[in-house]
Amino acid sequence: MIGDLIAAAIGRDIDRRDGEGGTLGALAGVATWKVARRVVPAAIVIGGAALGARYLIRKFRNDPASA
């Protein structure tokens, strides 16, 4: 809830710079915050899995055959 308030305040301040009201900016700030809270952790997990898979593929591909 505190994050929503901070996002709304930041969005309102950004929207006020054009001389008009800041309601639309506040709504955009809250919406962006709510989406980012879900997307960023998912992107980190997916990126980590992709890097892990890439590492394992390279490790097993360059493994020399035992004699």
PDB file of N, CA and C in Angstrom:
ATOM      1  N   MET A   1       0.820  -1.182   0.000  1.00  0.00           N
ATOM      2  CA  MET A   1       0.000   0.000   0.000  1.00  0.00           C
ATOM      3  C   MET A   1       0.868   1.251   0.000  1.00  0.00           C
ATOM      4  N   ILE A   2       1.943   1.217   0.733  1.00  0.00           N
ATOM      5  CA  ILE A   2       2.842   2.374   0.752  1.00  0.00           C
ATOM      6  C   ILE A   2       3.467   2.560  -0.626  1.00  0.00           C
ATOM      7  N   GLY A   3       3.789   1.448  -1.281  1.00  0.00           N
ATOM      8  CA  GLY A   3       4.350   1.530  -2.632  1.00  0.00           C
ATOM      9  C   GLY A   3       3.364   2.172  -3.597  1.00  0.00           C
ATOM     10  N   ASP A   4       2.075   1.860  -3.450  1.00  0.00           N
ATOM     11  CA  ASP A   4       1.059   2.471  -4.304  1.00  0.00           C
ATOM     12  C   ASP A   4       1.006   3.984  -4.083  1.00  0.00           C
ATOM     13  N   LEU A   5       1.102   4.396  -2.837  1.00  0.00           N
ATOM     14  CA  LEU A   5       1.074   5.836  -2.535  1.00  0.00           C
ATOM     15  C   LEU A   5       2.298   6.549  -3.113  1.00  0.00           C
ATOM     16  N   ILE A   6       3.450   5.938  -2.987  1.00  0.00           N
ATOM     17  CA  ILE A   6       4.674   6.533  -3.529  1.00  0.00           C
ATOM     18  C   ILE A   6       4.587   6.604  -5.052  1.00  0.00           C
ATOM     19  N   ALA A   7       4.125   5.535  -5.692  1.00  0.00           N
ATOM     20  CA  ALA A   7       3.989   5.523  -7.148  1.00  0.00           C
ATOM     21  C   ALA A   7       2.998   6.580  -7.613  1.00  0.00           C
ATOM     22  N   ALA A   8       1.900   6.743  -6.880  1.00  0.00           N
ATOM     23  CA  ALA A   8       0.913   7.760  -7.238  1.00  0.00           C
ATOM     24  C   ALA A   8       1.500   9.157  -7.104  1.00  0.00           C
ATOM     25  N   ALA A   9       2.263   9.390  -6.053  1.00  0.00           N
ATOM     26  CA  ALA A   9       2.873  10.711  -5.855  1.00  0.00           C
ATOM     27  C   ALA A   9       3.893  11.019  -6.952  1.00  0.00           C
ATOM     28  N   ILE A  10       4.693  10.037  -7.314  1.00  0.00           N
ATOM     29  CA  ILE A  10       5.680  10.246  -8.374  1.00  0.00           C
ATOM     30  C   ILE A  10       4.979  10.496  -9.706  1.00  0.00           C
ATOM     31  N   GLY A  11       3.970   9.689 -10.026  1.00  0.00           N
ATOM     32  CA  GLY A  11       3.223   9.876 -11.266  1.00  0.00           C
ATOM     33  C   GLY A  11       2.518  11.220 -11.311  1.00  0.00           C
ATOM     34  N   ARG A  12       1.950  11.644 -10.184  1.00  0.00           N
ATOM     35  CA  ARG A  12       1.279  12.949 -10.128  1.00  0.00           C
ATOM     36  C   ARG A  12       2.262  14.078 -10.376  1.00  0.00           C
ATOM     37  N   ASP A  13       3.441  14.001  -9.762  1.00  0.00           N
ATOM     38  CA  ASP A  13       4.437  15.049  -9.943  1.00  0.00           C
ATOM     39  C   ASP A  13       4.932  15.117 -11.384  1.00  0.00           C
ATOM     40  N   ILE A  14       5.094  13.964 -12.008  1.00  0.00           N
ATOM     41  CA  ILE A  14       5.528  13.949 -13.401  1.00  0.00           C
ATOM     42  C   ILE A  14       4.446  14.545 -14.293  1.00  0.00           C
ATOM     43  N   ASP A  15       3.188  14.225 -14.040  1.00  0.00           N
ATOM     44  CA  ASP A  15       2.091  14.731 -14.860  1.00  0.00           C
ATOM     45  C   ASP A  15       1.848  16.216 -14.631  1.00  0.00           C
ATOM     46  N   ARG A  16       2.161  16.738 -13.477  1.00  0.00           N
ATOM     47  CA  ARG A  16       1.957  18.160 -13.183  1.00  0.00           C
ATOM     48  C   ARG A  16       2.926  19.066 -13.937  1.00  0.00           C
ATOM     49  N   ARG A  17       4.009  18.534 -14.423  1.00  0.00           N
ATOM     50  CA  ARG A  17       5.023  19.362 -15.098  1.00  0.00           C
ATOM     51  C   ARG A  17       4.493  20.032 -16.358  1.00  0.00           C
ATOM     52  N   ASP A  18       3.445  19.492 -16.958  1.00  0.00           N
ATOM     53  CA  ASP A  18       2.904  20.106 -18.162  1.00  0.00           C
ATOM     54  C   ASP A  18       1.898  21.213 -17.847  1.00  0.00           C
ATOM     55  N   GLY A  19       1.653  21.473 -16.562  1.00  0.00           N
ATOM     56  CA  GLY A  19       0.778  22.564 -16.172  1.00  0.00           C
ATOM     57  C   GLY A  19      -0.668  22.157 -15.940  1.00  0.00           C
ATOM     58  N   GLU A  20      -0.999  20.917 -16.210  1.00  0.00           N
ATOM     59  CA  GLU A  20      -2.373  20.450 -15.990  1.00  0.00           C
ATOM     60  C   GLU A  20      -2.411  19.614 -14.718  1.00  0.00           C
ATOM     61  N   GLY A  21      -3.552  19.011 -14.445  1.00  0.00           N
ATOM     62  CA  GLY A  21      -3.713  18.201 -13.250  1.00  0.00           C
ATOM     63  C   GLY A  21      -2.847  16.956 -13.273  1.00  0.00           C
ATOM     64  N   GLY A  22      -2.772  16.278 -12.138  1.00  0.00           N
ATOM     65  CA  GLY A  22      -1.911  15.120 -12.038  1.00  0.00           C
ATOM     66  C   GLY A  22      -2.638  13.816 -11.802  1.00  0.00           C
ATOM     67  N   THR A  23      -3.963  13.787 -12.019  1.00  0.00           N
ATOM     68  CA  THR A  23      -4.729  12.578 -11.744  1.00  0.00           C
ATOM     69  C   THR A  23      -4.341  11.440 -12.678  1.00  0.00           C
ATOM     70  N   LEU A  24      -4.222  11.721 -13.955  1.00  0.00           N
ATOM     71  CA  LEU A  24      -3.867  10.688 -14.920  1.00  0.00           C
ATOM     72  C   LEU A  24      -2.464  10.140 -14.635  1.00  0.00           C
ATOM     73  N   GLY A  25      -1.556  11.008 -14.256  1.00  0.00           N
ATOM     74  CA  GLY A  25      -0.209  10.563 -13.904  1.00  0.00           C
ATOM     75  C   GLY A  25      -0.208   9.687 -12.666  1.00  0.00           C
ATOM     76  N   ALA A  26      -1.045  10.030 -11.697  1.00  0.00           N
ATOM     77  CA  ALA A  26      -1.128   9.217 -10.484  1.00  0.00           C
ATOM     78  C   ALA A  26      -1.655   7.828 -10.810  1.00  0.00           C
ATOM     79  N   LEU A  27      -2.668   7.747 -11.640  1.00  0.00           N
ATOM     80  CA  LEU A  27      -3.211   6.444 -12.040  1.00  0.00           C
ATOM     81  C   LEU A  27      -2.175   5.651 -12.839  1.00  0.00           C
ATOM     82  N   ALA A  28      -1.460   6.325 -13.733  1.00  0.00           N
ATOM     83  CA  ALA A  28      -0.426   5.644 -14.519  1.00  0.00           C
ATOM     84  C   ALA A  28       0.703   5.157 -13.616  1.00  0.00           C
ATOM     85  N   GLY A  29       1.066   5.935 -12.619  1.00  0.00           N
ATOM     86  CA  GLY A  29       2.111   5.530 -11.688  1.00  0.00           C
ATOM     87  C   GLY A  29       1.735   4.293 -10.896  1.00  0.00           C
ATOM     88  N   VAL A  30       0.508   4.246 -10.416  1.00  0.00           N
ATOM     89  CA  VAL A  30       0.041   3.086  -9.646  1.00  0.00           C
ATOM     90  C   VAL A  30      -0.040   1.856 -10.548  1.00  0.00           C
ATOM     91  N   ALA A  31      -0.553   2.029 -11.761  1.00  0.00           N
ATOM     92  CA  ALA A  31      -0.658   0.901 -12.689  1.00  0.00           C
ATOM     93  C   ALA A  31       0.727   0.356 -13.034  1.00  0.00           C
ATOM     94  N   THR A  32       1.665   1.247 -13.276  1.00  0.00           N
ATOM     95  CA  THR A  32       3.029   0.823 -13.588  1.00  0.00           C
ATOM     96  C   THR A  32       3.641   0.075 -12.412  1.00  0.00           C
ATOM     97  N   TRP A  33       3.430   0.552 -11.218  1.00  0.00           N
ATOM     98  CA  TRP A  33       3.962  -0.100 -10.016  1.00  0.00           C
ATOM     99  C   TRP A  33       3.385  -1.508  -9.854  1.00  0.00           C
ATOM    100  N   LYS A  34       2.075  -1.640 -10.060  1.00  0.00           N
ATOM    101  CA  LYS A  34       1.439  -2.948  -9.893  1.00  0.00           C
ATOM    102  C   LYS A  34       1.939  -3.949 -10.937  1.00  0.00           C
ATOM    103  N   VAL A  35       2.129  -3.503 -12.164  1.00  0.00           N
ATOM    104  CA  VAL A  35       2.641  -4.390 -13.209  1.00  0.00           C
ATOM    105  C   VAL A  35       4.096  -4.744 -12.924  1.00  0.00           C
ATOM    106  N   ALA A  36       4.897  -3.772 -12.539  1.00  0.00           N
ATOM    107  CA  ALA A  36       6.325  -4.013 -12.296  1.00  0.00           C
ATOM    108  C   ALA A  36       6.542  -4.965 -11.128  1.00  0.00           C
ATOM    109  N   ARG A  37       5.683  -4.920 -10.128  1.00  0.00           N
ATOM    110  CA  ARG A  37       5.823  -5.821  -8.985  1.00  0.00           C
ATOM    111  C   ARG A  37       5.676  -7.279  -9.388  1.00  0.00           C
ATOM    112  N   ARG A  38       4.946  -7.550 -10.437  1.00  0.00           N
ATOM    113  CA  ARG A  38       4.756  -8.931 -10.878  1.00  0.00           C
ATOM    114  C   ARG A  38       5.714  -9.327 -12.004  1.00  0.00           C
ATOM    115  N   VAL A  39       6.031  -8.403 -12.888  1.00  0.00           N
ATOM    116  CA  VAL A  39       6.823  -8.723 -14.074  1.00  0.00           C
ATOM    117  C   VAL A  39       8.312  -8.823 -13.753  1.00  0.00           C
ATOM    118  N   VAL A  40       8.833  -7.934 -12.954  1.00  0.00           N
ATOM    119  CA  VAL A  40      10.274  -7.921 -12.690  1.00  0.00           C
ATOM    120  C   VAL A  40      10.753  -9.206 -12.008  1.00  0.00           C
ATOM    121  N   PRO A  41      10.122  -9.699 -10.958  1.00  0.00           N
ATOM    122  CA  PRO A  41      10.581 -10.975 -10.387  1.00  0.00           C
ATOM    123  C   PRO A  41      10.473 -12.145 -11.370  1.00  0.00           C
ATOM    124  N   ALA A  42       9.417 -12.158 -12.168  1.00  0.00           N
ATOM    125  CA  ALA A  42       9.270 -13.226 -13.162  1.00  0.00           C
ATOM    126  C   ALA A  42      10.386 -13.147 -14.194  1.00  0.00           C
ATOM    127  N   ALA A  43      10.740 -11.945 -14.616  1.00  0.00           N
ATOM    128  CA  ALA A  43      11.818 -11.778 -15.590  1.00  0.00           C
ATOM    129  C   ALA A  43      13.159 -12.223 -15.006  1.00  0.00           C
ATOM    130  N   ILE A  44      13.377 -11.971 -13.730  1.00  0.00           N
ATOM    131  CA  ILE A  44      14.620 -12.404 -13.084  1.00  0.00           C
ATOM    132  C   ILE A  44      14.693 -13.927 -13.042  1.00  0.00           C
ATOM    133  N   VAL A  45      13.600 -14.577 -12.700  1.00  0.00           N
ATOM    134  CA  VAL A  45      13.574 -16.042 -12.637  1.00  0.00           C
ATOM    135  C   VAL A  45      13.778 -16.636 -14.024  1.00  0.00           C
ATOM    136  N   ILE A  46      13.074 -16.124 -15.018  1.00  0.00           N
ATOM    137  CA  ILE A  46      13.207 -16.641 -16.380  1.00  0.00           C
ATOM    138  C   ILE A  46      14.614 -16.391 -16.916  1.00  0.00           C
ATOM    139  N   GLY A  47      15.167 -15.225 -16.645  1.00  0.00           N
ATOM    140  CA  GLY A  47      16.534 -14.926 -17.081  1.00  0.00           C
ATOM    141  C   GLY A  47      17.554 -15.838 -16.421  1.00  0.00           C
ATOM    142  N   GLY A  48      17.375 -16.101 -15.130  1.00  0.00           N
ATOM    143  CA  GLY A  48      18.280 -17.017 -14.423  1.00  0.00           C
ATOM    144  C   GLY A  48      18.197 -18.428 -14.973  1.00  0.00           C
ATOM    145  N   ALA A  49      16.986 -18.871 -15.291  1.00  0.00           N
ATOM    146  CA  ALA A  49      16.825 -20.206 -15.871  1.00  0.00           C
ATOM    147  C   ALA A  49      17.471 -20.282 -17.245  1.00  0.00           C
ATOM    148  N   ALA A  50      17.334 -19.231 -18.034  1.00  0.00           N
ATOM    149  CA  ALA A  50      17.943 -19.213 -19.368  1.00  0.00           C
ATOM    150  C   ALA A  50      19.466 -19.231 -19.270  1.00  0.00           C
ATOM    151  N   LEU A  51      20.015 -18.455 -18.350  1.00  0.00           N
ATOM    152  CA  LEU A  51      21.473 -18.449 -18.174  1.00  0.00           C
ATOM    153  C   LEU A  51      21.972 -19.804 -17.668  1.00  0.00           C
ATOM    154  N   GLY A  52      21.233 -20.413 -16.750  1.00  0.00           N
ATOM    155  CA  GLY A  52      21.610 -21.732 -16.244  1.00  0.00           C
ATOM    156  C   GLY A  52      21.586 -22.781 -17.341  1.00  0.00           C
ATOM    157  N   ALA A  53      20.558 -22.755 -18.173  1.00  0.00           N
ATOM    158  CA  ALA A  53      20.468 -23.705 -19.276  1.00  0.00           C
ATOM    159  C   ALA A  53      21.607 -23.489 -20.263  1.00  0.00           C
ATOM    160  N   ARG A  54      21.909 -22.242 -20.550  1.00  0.00           N
ATOM    161  CA  ARG A  54      23.015 -21.926 -21.478  1.00  0.00           C
ATOM    162  C   ARG A  54      24.342 -22.421 -20.918  1.00  0.00           C
ATOM    163  N   TYR A  55      24.553 -22.230 -19.628  1.00  0.00           N
ATOM    164  CA  TYR A  55      25.781 -22.693 -18.980  1.00  0.00           C
ATOM    165  C   TYR A  55      25.906 -24.214 -19.064  1.00  0.00           C
ATOM    166  N   LEU A  56      24.824 -24.911 -18.750  1.00  0.00           N
ATOM    167  CA  LEU A  56      24.864 -26.373 -18.777  1.00  0.00           C
ATOM    168  C   LEU A  56      25.069 -26.911 -20.192  1.00  0.00           C
ATOM    169  N   ILE A  57      24.442 -26.304 -21.176  1.00  0.00           N
ATOM    170  CA  ILE A  57      24.635 -26.741 -22.561  1.00  0.00           C
ATOM    171  C   ILE A  57      26.087 -26.577 -22.969  1.00  0.00           C
ATOM    172  N   ARG A  58      26.681 -25.425 -22.654  1.00  0.00           N
ATOM    173  CA  ARG A  58      28.093 -25.205 -23.001  1.00  0.00           C
ATOM    174  C   ARG A  58      29.011 -26.150 -22.239  1.00  0.00           C
ATOM    175  N   LYS A  59      28.696 -26.422 -20.984  1.00  0.00           N
ATOM    176  CA  LYS A  59      29.533 -27.295 -20.180  1.00  0.00           C
ATOM    177  C   LYS A  59      29.538 -28.712 -20.735  1.00  0.00           C
ATOM    178  N   PHE A  60      28.395 -29.233 -21.081  1.00  0.00           N
ATOM    179  CA  PHE A  60      28.314 -30.605 -21.585  1.00  0.00           C
ATOM    180  C   PHE A  60      28.785 -30.740 -23.032  1.00  0.00           C
ATOM    181  N   ARG A  61      28.657 -29.685 -23.811  1.00  0.00           N
ATOM    182  CA  ARG A  61      29.093 -29.731 -25.207  1.00  0.00           C
ATOM    183  C   ARG A  61      30.608 -29.753 -25.304  1.00  0.00           C
ATOM    184  N   ASN A  62      31.317 -29.057 -24.455  1.00  0.00           N
ATOM    185  CA  ASN A  62      32.782 -28.972 -24.509  1.00  0.00           C
ATOM    186  C   ASN A  62      33.457 -30.026 -23.653  1.00  0.00           C
ATOM    187  N   ASP A  63      32.705 -30.939 -23.100  1.00  0.00           N
ATOM    188  CA  ASP A  63      33.271 -31.983 -22.262  1.00  0.00           C
ATOM    189  C   ASP A  63      34.017 -33.006 -23.130  1.00  0.00           C
ATOM    190  N   PRO A  64      35.318 -33.202 -22.938  1.00  0.00           N
ATOM    191  CA  PRO A  64      36.046 -34.168 -23.776  1.00  0.00           C
ATOM    192  C   PRO A  64      35.634 -35.607 -23.436  1.00  0.00           C
ATOM    193  N   ALA A  65      35.724 -36.465 -24.441  1.00  0.00           N
ATOM    194  CA  ALA A  65      35.372 -37.866 -24.244  1.00  0.00           C
ATOM    195  C   ALA A  65      36.436 -38.546 -23.404  1.00  0.00           C
ATOM    196  N   SER A  66      36.017 -39.368 -22.458  1.00  0.00           N
ATOM    197  CA  SER A  66      36.988 -40.042 -21.608  1.00  0.00           C
ATOM    198  C   SER A  66      37.610 -41.213 -22.377  1.00  0.00           C
ATOM    199  N   ALA A  67      38.898 -41.451 -22.134  1.00  0.00           N
ATOM    200  CA  ALA A  67      39.628 -42.473 -22.892  1.00  0.00           C
ATOM    201  C   ALA A  67      39.531 -43.811 -22.288  1.00  0.00           C
TER     202      ALA A  67
END
